[in-house]
Amino acid sequence: MRRAYLAVSLRHRPHLESVIQTLQTCLKKYSIELFVCVDHYHFSSNEEVKMMQTALMEIDRSDILIAEVSVKAIGVGLEAGYAAANNKPVWYLRNKASAHSSTVSGIASERIFYRDEQDLSDQLVGFIPKYH
């Protein structure tokens, strides 16, 4: 089974639950597991080295990185840059009402600007098969 790593802001993760559920549902149809790192690991503020080592290890274990950038977060940009530097496809994912992230968009192999979860689902179906 292929694996997609979701880079998402820990602080804003709760507000993206329906988006994450949509991603999981769509990817599962193509036998791609969605791995949400912030759901599996929790680090204290003085464990930044361990946190980044763990995140990079999990990205290495993944085939695709999905960067949810509806809320800008430095960590998401770092994860996306690492994935791109390691020749992994990076999918830029952002709600149309949110500010654009030119740096992540600049390294992305796919760009998705969605209005709502249905729009996201419709767009994902259009290109996921080429990563299957």
Foldseek 3Di string as FASTA:
>chain_A
DAEEEEADDLVCVVVCVLLVVLVQVLVVVVVYHYHYPSVPDDDDPVCVVVVVVVLLVVLVVHQEYEYEVLPPDVRSLVSLVSNLVVVHAYEYHHAQVGDDDCSSVVSHPHYYHAPDSVRVNVVCVVPVVVVD
